[in-house]
Amino acid sequence: MKLKRFLLRYFPPGIILEYARKSGEVETKAIDLLNLTHETDVEVLINQIVFEEPLISESKKPVLRKLIYRLIDKLETKNTQRFYLFKILRAHILPLTNCGFNKSGSQFITGSYDRTCRVWDTLSGEELLTLEGHRNVVYAIAFNNPFGDKVVTGSFDKTAKIWDAVSGACLQTLRGHQTEIVCVAFNSMGTQVATGSMDNSAKLWDVEVGQLLWTLEGHTAEIVSLNFSTDGDKLLT
């Protein structure tokens, strides 16, 4: 296995390792730093991570140090943060249903009753993409954070779609629910998507090929919220 790059995860605090197997397949794994504070001994933490994680060599310590200090700075900023009105956008011709940021906050997405999802540049307020293809309300939306290169949309047309967040191309259309899809989520590796529906079920899908992996049944009413665990091995509905 060969380490390709580090990715920061601000909440919950952690570092994502993207690595390639001998077969060429790219995968990710998370290093959770849930107890990180400004009082943390960073050098001790770095030595512990390098000792326990074979993907990280001694030569990567400077990069690791920089990332950990960025996480600490973010934690400290959170304690003194103040909010103010930054920008108002006339985003859609019909009411919005949902919104969400990518990991860095440089882009955000909005869903609407006008059957579209739009991708925006946060700083300028410029519309980057309009994701069109659903035949009814786009109700649930999400980036594949921490990567931010894909968007999933769930619609009242009973389908979910996976989009390329750079080109706007529709990569997959996920069909199988009997009624409206009202919640969606990527796992932390970006390899799977979960959808929840008014048909009382949740479904788990493979992102790369759009294949249905599991149908999760047992609820006696609508599933309106779902979330993956940090490791991606559990799904809460």
C-alpha atoms as a PDB file:
ATOM      1  CA  MET A   1       0.000   0.000   0.000  1.00  0.00           C
ATOM      2  CA  LYS A   2       1.182   3.508  -0.841  1.00  0.00           C
ATOM      3  CA  LEU A   3       0.012   6.746   0.744  1.00  0.00           C
ATOM      4  CA  LYS A   4      -1.288   9.211  -1.882  1.00  0.00           C
ATOM      5  CA  ARG A   5      -2.404  12.186   0.207  1.00  0.00           C
ATOM      6  CA  PHE A   6      -3.768  13.491   3.506  1.00  0.00           C
ATOM      7  CA  LEU A   7      -7.243  15.018   3.853  1.00  0.00           C
ATOM      8  CA  LEU A   8      -8.393  17.090   6.830  1.00  0.00           C
ATOM      9  CA  ARG A   9     -11.701  16.356   8.559  1.00  0.00           C
ATOM     10  CA  TYR A  10     -12.670  19.260  10.791  1.00  0.00           C
ATOM     11  CA  PHE A  11     -15.713  17.659  12.398  1.00  0.00           C
ATOM     12  CA  PRO A  12     -15.294  15.373  14.098  1.00  0.00           C
ATOM     13  CA  PRO A  13     -11.552  16.200  14.205  1.00  0.00           C
ATOM     14  CA  GLY A  14      -9.434  13.780  12.247  1.00  0.00           C
ATOM     15  CA  ILE A  15      -7.178  13.071   9.283  1.00  0.00           C
ATOM     16  CA  ILE A  16      -8.168  10.945   6.290  1.00  0.00           C
ATOM     17  CA  LEU A  17      -5.472   8.893   4.553  1.00  0.00           C
ATOM     18  CA  GLU A  18      -5.987   8.233   0.849  1.00  0.00           C
ATOM     19  CA  TYR A  19      -3.853   5.311  -0.319  1.00  0.00           C
ATOM     20  CA  ALA A  20      -3.441   2.961  -3.268  1.00  0.00           C
ATOM     21  CA  ARG A  21      -3.280  -0.799  -3.046  1.00  0.00           C
ATOM     22  CA  LYS A  22      -0.947  -2.864  -5.243  1.00  0.00           C
ATOM     23  CA  SER A  23      -3.903  -3.500  -7.540  1.00  0.00           C
ATOM     24  CA  GLY A  24      -4.205   0.230  -8.096  1.00  0.00           C
ATOM     25  CA  GLU A  25      -7.476   0.485  -6.190  1.00  0.00           C
ATOM     26  CA  VAL A  26      -7.702   3.711  -4.153  1.00  0.00           C
ATOM     27  CA  GLU A  27      -9.114   3.526  -0.638  1.00  0.00           C
ATOM     28  CA  THR A  28      -9.273   5.707   2.472  1.00  0.00           C
ATOM     29  CA  LYS A  29      -8.976   5.248   6.215  1.00  0.00           C
ATOM     30  CA  ALA A  30      -9.591   7.678   9.057  1.00  0.00           C
ATOM     31  CA  ILE A  31      -7.392   8.676  12.002  1.00  0.00           C
ATOM     32  CA  ASP A  32      -9.771  10.034  14.631  1.00  0.00           C
ATOM     33  CA  LEU A  33      -8.483  12.866  16.833  1.00  0.00           C
ATOM     34  CA  LEU A  34     -11.576  13.300  18.971  1.00  0.00           C
ATOM     35  CA  ASN A  35      -9.662  14.368  22.100  1.00  0.00           C
ATOM     36  CA  LEU A  36      -7.572  17.027  20.353  1.00  0.00           C
ATOM     37  CA  THR A  37      -7.335  20.374  22.214  1.00  0.00           C
ATOM     38  CA  HIS A  38      -4.944  23.342  22.312  1.00  0.00           C
ATOM     39  CA  GLU A  39      -3.301  21.633  25.305  1.00  0.00           C
ATOM     40  CA  THR A  40      -2.459  18.470  23.334  1.00  0.00           C
ATOM     41  CA  ASP A  41       1.262  17.622  23.144  1.00  0.00           C
ATOM     42  CA  VAL A  42       1.524  17.615  19.366  1.00  0.00           C
ATOM     43  CA  GLU A  43       4.954  15.946  19.186  1.00  0.00           C
ATOM     44  CA  VAL A  44       3.819  13.033  21.357  1.00  0.00           C
ATOM     45  CA  LEU A  45       0.688  12.681  19.228  1.00  0.00           C
ATOM     46  CA  ILE A  46       2.697  12.703  15.979  1.00  0.00           C
ATOM     47  CA  ASN A  47       5.066  10.012  17.264  1.00  0.00           C
ATOM     48  CA  GLN A  48       2.130   7.879  18.354  1.00  0.00           C
ATOM     49  CA  ILE A  49       0.415   8.161  14.953  1.00  0.00           C
ATOM     50  CA  VAL A  50       3.607   7.307  13.026  1.00  0.00           C
ATOM     51  CA  PHE A  51       4.238   4.329  15.333  1.00  0.00           C
ATOM     52  CA  GLU A  52       0.705   2.936  14.968  1.00  0.00           C
ATOM     53  CA  GLU A  53       0.049   3.725  11.289  1.00  0.00           C
ATOM     54  CA  PRO A  54       2.298   1.882   8.784  1.00  0.00           C
ATOM     55  CA  LEU A  55       1.149   4.115   5.905  1.00  0.00           C
ATOM     56  CA  ILE A  56       2.833   7.151   7.480  1.00  0.00           C
ATOM     57  CA  SER A  57       6.631   7.276   7.366  1.00  0.00           C
ATOM     58  CA  GLU A  58       8.994   9.452   9.393  1.00  0.00           C
ATOM     59  CA  SER A  59       9.388  11.760   6.394  1.00  0.00           C
ATOM     60  CA  LYS A  60       5.690  12.675   6.624  1.00  0.00           C
ATOM     61  CA  LYS A  61       5.987  14.112  10.130  1.00  0.00           C
ATOM     62  CA  PRO A  62       6.235  17.765   8.982  1.00  0.00           C
ATOM     63  CA  VAL A  63       3.042  17.431   6.936  1.00  0.00           C
ATOM     64  CA  LEU A  64       1.292  15.681   9.803  1.00  0.00           C
ATOM     65  CA  ARG A  65       2.411  18.411  12.225  1.00  0.00           C
ATOM     66  CA  LYS A  66       1.029  21.138   9.952  1.00  0.00           C
ATOM     67  CA  LEU A  67      -2.338  19.383   9.628  1.00  0.00           C
ATOM     68  CA  ILE A  68      -2.710  18.858  13.378  1.00  0.00           C
ATOM     69  CA  TYR A  69      -1.984  22.520  14.096  1.00  0.00           C
ATOM     70  CA  ARG A  70      -4.588  23.502  11.507  1.00  0.00           C
ATOM     71  CA  LEU A  71      -7.131  21.342  13.323  1.00  0.00           C
ATOM     72  CA  ILE A  72      -6.201  22.942  16.655  1.00  0.00           C
ATOM     73  CA  ASP A  73      -6.535  26.433  15.155  1.00  0.00           C
ATOM     74  CA  LYS A  74      -9.991  25.499  13.885  1.00  0.00           C
ATOM     75  CA  LEU A  75     -11.037  24.238  17.317  1.00  0.00           C
ATOM     76  CA  GLU A  76      -9.876  27.458  18.974  1.00  0.00           C
ATOM     77  CA  THR A  77     -11.614  29.622  16.364  1.00  0.00           C
ATOM     78  CA  LYS A  78     -14.870  27.772  17.014  1.00  0.00           C
ATOM     79  CA  ASN A  79     -14.917  28.963  20.639  1.00  0.00           C
ATOM     80  CA  THR A  80     -14.771  32.662  19.670  1.00  0.00           C
ATOM     81  CA  GLN A  81     -16.778  32.574  16.435  1.00  0.00           C
ATOM     82  CA  ARG A  82     -19.343  35.283  15.756  1.00  0.00           C
ATOM     83  CA  PHE A  83     -21.830  35.170  12.906  1.00  0.00           C
ATOM     84  CA  TYR A  84     -22.944  37.969  10.596  1.00  0.00           C
ATOM     85  CA  LEU A  85     -24.916  38.218   7.355  1.00  0.00           C
ATOM     86  CA  PHE A  86     -22.413  37.508   4.564  1.00  0.00           C
ATOM     87  CA  LYS A  87     -24.462  37.345   1.379  1.00  0.00           C
ATOM     88  CA  ILE A  88     -28.020  36.961   0.089  1.00  0.00           C
ATOM     89  CA  LEU A  89     -28.569  34.950  -3.099  1.00  0.00           C
ATOM     90  CA  ARG A  90     -31.708  34.666  -5.173  1.00  0.00           C
ATOM     91  CA  ALA A  91     -30.936  31.048  -5.789  1.00  0.00           C
ATOM     92  CA  HIS A  92     -34.038  29.402  -7.312  1.00  0.00           C
ATOM     93  CA  ILE A  93     -37.354  30.386  -8.832  1.00  0.00           C
ATOM     94  CA  LEU A  94     -39.205  28.183  -6.302  1.00  0.00           C
ATOM     95  CA  PRO A  95     -38.610  27.603  -2.546  1.00  0.00           C
ATOM     96  CA  LEU A  96     -35.458  25.851  -1.345  1.00  0.00           C
ATOM     97  CA  THR A  97     -35.640  22.453   0.334  1.00  0.00           C
ATOM     98  CA  ASN A  98     -32.093  21.936   1.594  1.00  0.00           C
ATOM     99  CA  CYS A  99     -28.527  23.235   1.497  1.00  0.00           C
ATOM    100  CA  GLY A 100     -25.015  22.099   2.419  1.00  0.00           C
ATOM    101  CA  PHE A 101     -21.328  23.039   2.285  1.00  0.00           C
ATOM    102  CA  ASN A 102     -18.373  21.063   0.985  1.00  0.00           C
ATOM    103  CA  LYS A 103     -15.649  20.298   3.531  1.00  0.00           C
ATOM    104  CA  SER A 104     -13.613  23.464   3.032  1.00  0.00           C
ATOM    105  CA  GLY A 105     -16.645  25.740   2.790  1.00  0.00           C
ATOM    106  CA  SER A 106     -15.503  27.016  -0.618  1.00  0.00           C
ATOM    107  CA  GLN A 107     -18.672  25.739  -2.290  1.00  0.00           C
ATOM    108  CA  PHE A 108     -22.240  24.998  -1.260  1.00  0.00           C
ATOM    109  CA  ILE A 109     -25.291  23.340  -2.810  1.00  0.00           C
ATOM    110  CA  THR A 110     -29.001  24.134  -2.751  1.00  0.00           C
ATOM    111  CA  GLY A 111     -31.992  21.960  -3.617  1.00  0.00           C
ATOM    112  CA  SER A 112     -35.370  23.277  -4.646  1.00  0.00           C
ATOM    113  CA  TYR A 113     -38.965  22.660  -5.622  1.00  0.00           C
ATOM    114  CA  ASP A 114     -37.884  23.754  -9.125  1.00  0.00           C
ATOM    115  CA  ARG A 115     -36.471  20.199  -9.551  1.00  0.00           C
ATOM    116  CA  THR A 116     -32.823  21.285  -9.625  1.00  0.00           C
ATOM    117  CA  CYS A 117     -29.760  21.299  -7.402  1.00  0.00           C
ATOM    118  CA  ARG A 118     -27.299  24.152  -7.829  1.00  0.00           C
ATOM    119  CA  VAL A 119     -23.617  24.407  -6.931  1.00  0.00           C
ATOM    120  CA  TRP A 120     -22.331  27.824  -5.790  1.00  0.00           C
ATOM    121  CA  ASP A 121     -19.027  29.534  -5.097  1.00  0.00           C
ATOM    122  CA  THR A 122     -19.230  30.715  -1.489  1.00  0.00           C
ATOM    123  CA  LEU A 123     -16.980  33.757  -1.735  1.00  0.00           C
ATOM    124  CA  SER A 124     -18.355  35.283  -4.929  1.00  0.00           C
ATOM    125  CA  GLY A 125     -21.891  33.912  -4.805  1.00  0.00           C
ATOM    126  CA  GLU A 126     -21.500  32.802  -8.434  1.00  0.00           C
ATOM    127  CA  GLU A 127     -23.573  29.861  -9.637  1.00  0.00           C
ATOM    128  CA  LEU A 128     -21.144  27.187 -10.850  1.00  0.00           C
ATOM    129  CA  LEU A 129     -23.492  24.385 -11.927  1.00  0.00           C
ATOM    130  CA  THR A 130     -27.165  23.588 -12.308  1.00  0.00           C
ATOM    131  CA  LEU A 131     -27.821  19.866 -11.847  1.00  0.00           C
ATOM    132  CA  GLU A 132     -30.920  19.066 -13.892  1.00  0.00           C
ATOM    133  CA  GLY A 133     -32.567  15.705 -14.535  1.00  0.00           C
ATOM    134  CA  HIS A 134     -35.041  15.022 -11.742  1.00  0.00           C
ATOM    135  CA  ARG A 135     -38.735  15.081 -12.658  1.00  0.00           C
ATOM    136  CA  ASN A 136     -39.963  16.276  -9.280  1.00  0.00           C
ATOM    137  CA  VAL A 137     -38.815  18.201  -6.183  1.00  0.00           C
ATOM    138  CA  VAL A 138     -35.117  17.839  -5.244  1.00  0.00           C
ATOM    139  CA  TYR A 139     -35.526  17.435  -1.503  1.00  0.00           C
ATOM    140  CA  ALA A 140     -32.304  15.916  -0.094  1.00  0.00           C
ATOM    141  CA  ILE A 141     -28.736  16.809  -1.096  1.00  0.00           C
ATOM    142  CA  ALA A 142     -25.197  16.128   0.134  1.00  0.00           C
ATOM    143  CA  PHE A 143     -21.527  16.447  -0.847  1.00  0.00           C
ATOM    144  CA  ASN A 144     -19.234  13.426  -0.481  1.00  0.00           C
ATOM    145  CA  ASN A 145     -17.172  15.163   2.191  1.00  0.00           C
ATOM    146  CA  PRO A 146     -14.269  15.331   2.832  1.00  0.00           C
ATOM    147  CA  PHE A 147     -13.593  14.937  -0.918  1.00  0.00           C
ATOM    148  CA  GLY A 148     -16.233  17.270  -2.322  1.00  0.00           C
ATOM    149  CA  ASP A 149     -16.039  15.985  -5.906  1.00  0.00           C
ATOM    150  CA  LYS A 150     -19.492  14.355  -5.974  1.00  0.00           C
ATOM    151  CA  VAL A 151     -23.026  15.368  -4.985  1.00  0.00           C
ATOM    152  CA  VAL A 152     -25.997  13.103  -4.288  1.00  0.00           C
ATOM    153  CA  THR A 153     -29.569  14.318  -4.704  1.00  0.00           C
ATOM    154  CA  GLY A 154     -32.774  12.648  -3.547  1.00  0.00           C
ATOM    155  CA  SER A 155     -36.083  13.529  -5.158  1.00  0.00           C
ATOM    156  CA  PHE A 156     -39.833  13.174  -4.885  1.00  0.00           C
ATOM    157  CA  ASP A 157     -39.583  11.394  -8.267  1.00  0.00           C
ATOM    158  CA  LYS A 158     -38.485   8.297  -6.233  1.00  0.00           C
ATOM    159  CA  THR A 159     -34.890   8.374  -7.546  1.00  0.00           C
ATOM    160  CA  ALA A 160     -31.544   9.567  -6.286  1.00  0.00           C
ATOM    161  CA  LYS A 161     -28.770  10.774  -8.559  1.00  0.00           C
ATOM    162  CA  ILE A 162     -25.000  10.984  -8.107  1.00  0.00           C
ATOM    163  CA  TRP A 163     -23.340  13.918  -9.873  1.00  0.00           C
ATOM    164  CA  ASP A 164     -19.803  15.008 -10.712  1.00  0.00           C
ATOM    165  CA  ALA A 165     -19.401  18.229  -8.706  1.00  0.00           C
ATOM    166  CA  VAL A 166     -16.826  19.597 -11.179  1.00  0.00           C
ATOM    167  CA  SER A 167     -18.442  18.929 -14.559  1.00  0.00           C
ATOM    168  CA  GLY A 168     -22.078  18.594 -13.496  1.00  0.00           C
ATOM    169  CA  ALA A 169     -22.409  15.233 -15.255  1.00  0.00           C
ATOM    170  CA  CYS A 170     -24.917  12.733 -13.866  1.00  0.00           C
ATOM    171  CA  LEU A 171     -22.867   9.652 -12.977  1.00  0.00           C
ATOM    172  CA  GLN A 172     -25.590   7.353 -11.606  1.00  0.00           C
ATOM    173  CA  THR A 173     -29.364   7.246 -11.249  1.00  0.00           C
ATOM    174  CA  LEU A 174     -30.470   5.112  -8.303  1.00  0.00           C
ATOM    175  CA  ARG A 175     -33.893   3.491  -8.735  1.00  0.00           C
ATOM    176  CA  GLY A 176     -35.683   1.219  -6.280  1.00  0.00           C
ATOM    177  CA  HIS A 177     -37.727   3.248  -3.801  1.00  0.00           C
ATOM    178  CA  GLN A 178     -41.510   3.147  -4.124  1.00  0.00           C
ATOM    179  CA  THR A 179     -42.170   6.710  -2.925  1.00  0.00           C
ATOM    180  CA  GLU A 180     -40.365  10.012  -2.305  1.00  0.00           C
ATOM    181  CA  ILE A 181     -36.707  10.059  -1.198  1.00  0.00           C
ATOM    182  CA  VAL A 182     -36.316  12.550   1.651  1.00  0.00           C
ATOM    183  CA  CYS A 183     -32.805  11.972   3.060  1.00  0.00           C
ATOM    184  CA  VAL A 184     -29.408  11.018   1.632  1.00  0.00           C
ATOM    185  CA  ALA A 185     -25.862  10.582   2.947  1.00  0.00           C
ATOM    186  CA  PHE A 186     -22.400   9.476   1.798  1.00  0.00           C
ATOM    187  CA  ASN A 187     -20.181   7.364   4.016  1.00  0.00           C
ATOM    188  CA  SER A 188     -16.879   8.982   5.054  1.00  0.00           C
ATOM    189  CA  MET A 189     -14.934   7.114   2.345  1.00  0.00           C
ATOM    190  CA  GLY A 190     -17.323   8.291  -0.370  1.00  0.00           C
ATOM    191  CA  THR A 191     -17.805   4.732  -1.598  1.00  0.00           C
ATOM    192  CA  GLN A 192     -21.422   4.240  -0.534  1.00  0.00           C
ATOM    193  CA  VAL A 193     -24.607   6.308  -0.461  1.00  0.00           C
ATOM    194  CA  ALA A 194     -27.619   5.763   1.781  1.00  0.00           C
ATOM    195  CA  THR A 195     -31.123   6.912   0.870  1.00  0.00           C
ATOM    196  CA  GLY A 196     -34.205   7.125   3.084  1.00  0.00           C
ATOM    197  CA  SER A 197     -37.756   7.234   1.810  1.00  0.00           C
ATOM    198  CA  MET A 198     -41.405   7.702   2.635  1.00  0.00           C
ATOM    199  CA  ASP A 199     -41.794   3.996   1.713  1.00  0.00           C
ATOM    200  CA  ASN A 200     -40.477   3.142   5.234  1.00  0.00           C
ATOM    201  CA  SER A 201     -37.153   1.785   3.956  1.00  0.00           C
ATOM    202  CA  ALA A 202     -33.535   2.854   3.616  1.00  0.00           C
ATOM    203  CA  LYS A 203     -31.285   1.617   0.841  1.00  0.00           C
ATOM    204  CA  LEU A 204     -27.509   1.339   0.562  1.00  0.00           C
ATOM    205  CA  TRP A 205     -25.857   1.868  -2.839  1.00  0.00           C
ATOM    206  CA  ASP A 206     -22.406   1.454  -4.385  1.00  0.00           C
ATOM    207  CA  VAL A 207     -21.284   4.865  -5.654  1.00  0.00           C
ATOM    208  CA  GLU A 208     -18.944   3.648  -8.393  1.00  0.00           C
ATOM    209  CA  VAL A 209     -21.441   1.447 -10.267  1.00  0.00           C
ATOM    210  CA  GLY A 210     -24.786   2.587  -8.827  1.00  0.00           C
ATOM    211  CA  GLN A 211     -25.666  -0.910  -7.635  1.00  0.00           C
ATOM    212  CA  LEU A 212     -28.150  -1.527  -4.826  1.00  0.00           C
ATOM    213  CA  LEU A 213     -26.296  -3.286  -1.993  1.00  0.00           C
ATOM    214  CA  TRP A 214     -28.939  -3.563   0.726  1.00  0.00           C
ATOM    215  CA  THR A 215     -32.526  -2.651   1.489  1.00  0.00           C
ATOM    216  CA  LEU A 216     -32.957  -1.894   5.189  1.00  0.00           C
ATOM    217  CA  GLU A 217     -36.484  -2.624   6.387  1.00  0.00           C
ATOM    218  CA  GLY A 218     -38.070  -2.643   9.830  1.00  0.00           C
ATOM    219  CA  HIS A 219     -39.489   0.830  10.367  1.00  0.00           C
ATOM    220  CA  THR A 220     -43.269   1.146  10.345  1.00  0.00           C
ATOM    221  CA  ALA A 221     -43.317   4.735   9.104  1.00  0.00           C
ATOM    222  CA  GLU A 222     -41.341   7.135   6.936  1.00  0.00           C
ATOM    223  CA  ILE A 223     -37.532   7.390   7.203  1.00  0.00           C
ATOM    224  CA  VAL A 224     -36.805  11.131   7.197  1.00  0.00           C
ATOM    225  CA  SER A 225     -33.237  11.160   8.548  1.00  0.00           C
ATOM    226  CA  LEU A 226     -30.166   8.927   8.367  1.00  0.00           C
ATOM    227  CA  ASN A 227     -26.459   9.137   9.172  1.00  0.00           C
ATOM    228  CA  PHE A 228     -23.373   6.962   8.783  1.00  0.00           C
ATOM    229  CA  SER A 229     -21.022   6.397  11.697  1.00  0.00           C
ATOM    230  CA  THR A 230     -17.534   7.890  11.295  1.00  0.00           C
ATOM    231  CA  ASP A 231     -16.080   4.505  10.317  1.00  0.00           C
ATOM    232  CA  GLY A 232     -18.929   3.872   7.895  1.00  0.00           C
ATOM    233  CA  ASP A 233     -19.753   0.450   9.335  1.00  0.00           C
ATOM    234  CA  LYS A 234     -23.079   1.518  10.874  1.00  0.00           C
ATOM    235  CA  LEU A 235     -26.074   3.460   9.577  1.00  0.00           C
ATOM    236  CA  LEU A 236     -28.515   5.244  11.865  1.00  0.00           C
ATOM    237  CA  THR A 237     -32.102   5.724  10.637  1.00  0.00           C
END
